C-alpha atoms as a PDB file:
ATOM      1  CA  MET A   1     138.356  99.099 159.291  1.00  0.00           C
ATOM      2  CA  HIS A   2     138.679  95.502 158.096  1.00  0.00           C
ATOM      3  CA  GLU A   3     135.538  95.877 155.940  1.00  0.00           C
ATOM      4  CA  MET A   4     137.739  97.375 153.205  1.00  0.00           C
ATOM      5  CA  SER A   5     139.956  94.280 153.056  1.00  0.00           C
ATOM      6  CA  ILE A   6     136.771  92.201 152.897  1.00  0.00           C
ATOM      7  CA  ALA A   7     135.450  94.383 150.105  1.00  0.00           C
ATOM      8  CA  VAL A   8     138.700  93.980 148.161  1.00  0.00           C
ATOM      9  CA  GLU A   9     138.390  90.181 148.596  1.00  0.00           C
ATOM     10  CA  ILE A  10     134.829  90.296 147.326  1.00  0.00           C
ATOM     11  CA  CYS A  11     136.080  92.047 144.193  1.00  0.00           C
ATOM     12  CA  ARG A  12     138.755  89.442 143.749  1.00  0.00           C
ATOM     13  CA  ILE A  13     136.161  86.668 144.020  1.00  0.00           C
ATOM     14  CA  ALA A  14     133.964  88.385 141.446  1.00  0.00           C
ATOM     15  CA  GLN A  15     136.970  88.690 139.123  1.00  0.00           C
ATOM     16  CA  GLU A  16     137.836  85.031 139.565  1.00  0.00           C
ATOM     17  CA  GLN A  17     134.252  83.952 138.781  1.00  0.00           C
ATOM     18  CA  VAL A  18     133.572  86.071 135.694  1.00  0.00           C
ATOM     19  CA  GLY A  19     137.017  86.890 134.419  1.00  0.00           C
ATOM     20  CA  VAL A  20     138.706  90.238 133.951  1.00  0.00           C
ATOM     21  CA  ASP A  21     137.039  90.923 130.615  1.00  0.00           C
ATOM     22  CA  ALA A  22     133.527  90.503 131.988  1.00  0.00           C
ATOM     23  CA  LEU A  23     133.983  92.708 135.086  1.00  0.00           C
ATOM     24  CA  PRO A  24     132.577  95.856 133.420  1.00  0.00           C
ATOM     25  CA  ARG A  25     129.299  93.898 132.777  1.00  0.00           C
ATOM     26  CA  VAL A  26     128.801  92.922 136.479  1.00  0.00           C
ATOM     27  CA  ARG A  27     125.748  94.890 137.647  1.00  0.00           C
ATOM     28  CA  GLU A  28     125.174  93.435 141.142  1.00  0.00           C
ATOM     29  CA  VAL A  29     127.140  91.454 143.656  1.00  0.00           C
ATOM     30  CA  GLY A  30     125.141  89.550 146.223  1.00  0.00           C
ATOM     31  CA  VAL A  31     126.778  89.093 149.592  1.00  0.00           C
ATOM     32  CA  GLU A  32     125.383  87.120 152.555  1.00  0.00           C
ATOM     33  CA  VAL A  33     126.492  88.672 155.878  1.00  0.00           C
ATOM     34  CA  GLY A  34     125.646  86.892 159.110  1.00  0.00           C
ATOM     35  CA  ARG A  35     124.840  88.945 162.207  1.00  0.00           C
ATOM     36  CA  HIS A  36     127.658  87.203 164.026  1.00  0.00           C
ATOM     37  CA  ALA A  37     130.257  87.448 161.206  1.00  0.00           C
ATOM     38  CA  GLY A  38     132.076  90.320 162.846  1.00  0.00           C
ATOM     39  CA  VAL A  39     131.271  92.708 159.987  1.00  0.00           C
ATOM     40  CA  GLU A  40     129.450  96.020 160.090  1.00  0.00           C
ATOM     41  CA  PRO A  41     127.137  95.740 157.097  1.00  0.00           C
ATOM     42  CA  ASP A  42     126.854  99.519 156.548  1.00  0.00           C
ATOM     43  CA  ASN A  43     130.626  99.833 156.474  1.00  0.00           C
ATOM     44  CA  LEU A  44     130.931  96.958 154.027  1.00  0.00           C
ATOM     45  CA  VAL A  45     128.403  98.472 151.721  1.00  0.00           C
ATOM     46  CA  PHE A  46     130.237 101.810 151.873  1.00  0.00           C
ATOM     47  CA  CYS A  47     133.582 100.126 150.998  1.00  0.00           C
ATOM     48  CA  LEU A  48     132.059  98.087 148.186  1.00  0.00           C
ATOM     49  CA  GLU A  49     130.384 101.229 146.730  1.00  0.00           C
ATOM     50  CA  VAL A  50     133.715 102.997 146.756  1.00  0.00           C
ATOM     51  CA  LEU A  51     135.395 100.105 144.922  1.00  0.00           C
ATOM     52  CA  PHE A  52     132.484  99.692 142.531  1.00  0.00           C
ATOM     53  CA  GLU A  53     132.749 103.378 141.395  1.00  0.00           C
ATOM     54  CA  GLN A  54     136.097 102.649 139.780  1.00  0.00           C
ATOM     55  CA  ALA A  55     137.043 100.593 136.747  1.00  0.00           C
ATOM     56  CA  PRO A  56     136.617  97.775 136.076  1.00  0.00           C
ATOM     57  CA  PHE A  57     133.487  97.600 138.246  1.00  0.00           C
ATOM     58  CA  ALA A  58     132.057 101.027 137.321  1.00  0.00           C
ATOM     59  CA  GLY A  59     128.289 100.789 137.688  1.00  0.00           C
ATOM     60  CA  SER A  60     128.191  97.678 139.898  1.00  0.00           C
ATOM     61  CA  ARG A  61     125.978  97.614 143.041  1.00  0.00           C
ATOM     62  CA  PRO A  62     126.441  95.614 146.196  1.00  0.00           C
ATOM     63  CA  VAL A  63     123.332  93.723 147.515  1.00  0.00           C
ATOM     64  CA  LEU A  64     123.653  92.507 151.085  1.00  0.00           C
ATOM     65  CA  GLU A  65     121.465  89.782 152.588  1.00  0.00           C
ATOM     66  CA  LEU A  66     121.613  89.816 156.406  1.00  0.00           C
ATOM     67  CA  THR A  67     121.278  86.488 158.109  1.00  0.00           C
ATOM     68  CA  THR A  68     121.331  85.224 161.707  1.00  0.00           C
ATOM     69  CA  GLY A  69     124.475  83.099 161.496  1.00  0.00           C
ATOM     70  CA  ASP A  70     128.114  83.874 161.143  1.00  0.00           C
ATOM     71  CA  ASP A  71     128.360  83.474 157.357  1.00  0.00           C
ATOM     72  CA  LEU A  72     130.139  85.809 155.070  1.00  0.00           C
ATOM     73  CA  ARG A  73     130.095  84.885 151.415  1.00  0.00           C
ATOM     74  CA  VAL A  74     129.538  86.033 147.914  1.00  0.00           C
ATOM     75  CA  THR A  75     126.255  84.350 146.911  1.00  0.00           C
ATOM     76  CA  TRP A  76     125.588  85.599 143.411  1.00  0.00           C
ATOM     77  CA  LEU A  77     126.742  87.869 140.603  1.00  0.00           C
ATOM     78  CA  GLU A  78     124.394  89.518 138.100  1.00  0.00           C
ATOM     79  CA  VAL A  79     126.162  90.012 134.798  1.00  0.00           C
ATOM     80  CA  GLU A  80     124.616  92.040 131.959  1.00  0.00           C
END
């Protein structure tokens, strides 16, 4: 299940963008997933939810936007 490694990378990107101290304030992480990206969206959501249940992300929620292309990227972060 490579979705878990993708979820870990999404967490790393969020940490890089907001900094370690701000991670507990991240409420939502927006991810664009293309239909041809080779990713199972439901599996990715599950993996992200598992990671977001733990510190330092406790309380965060993944928000996936499905597109027609092959994109896979973090598009936004909502910070409290």
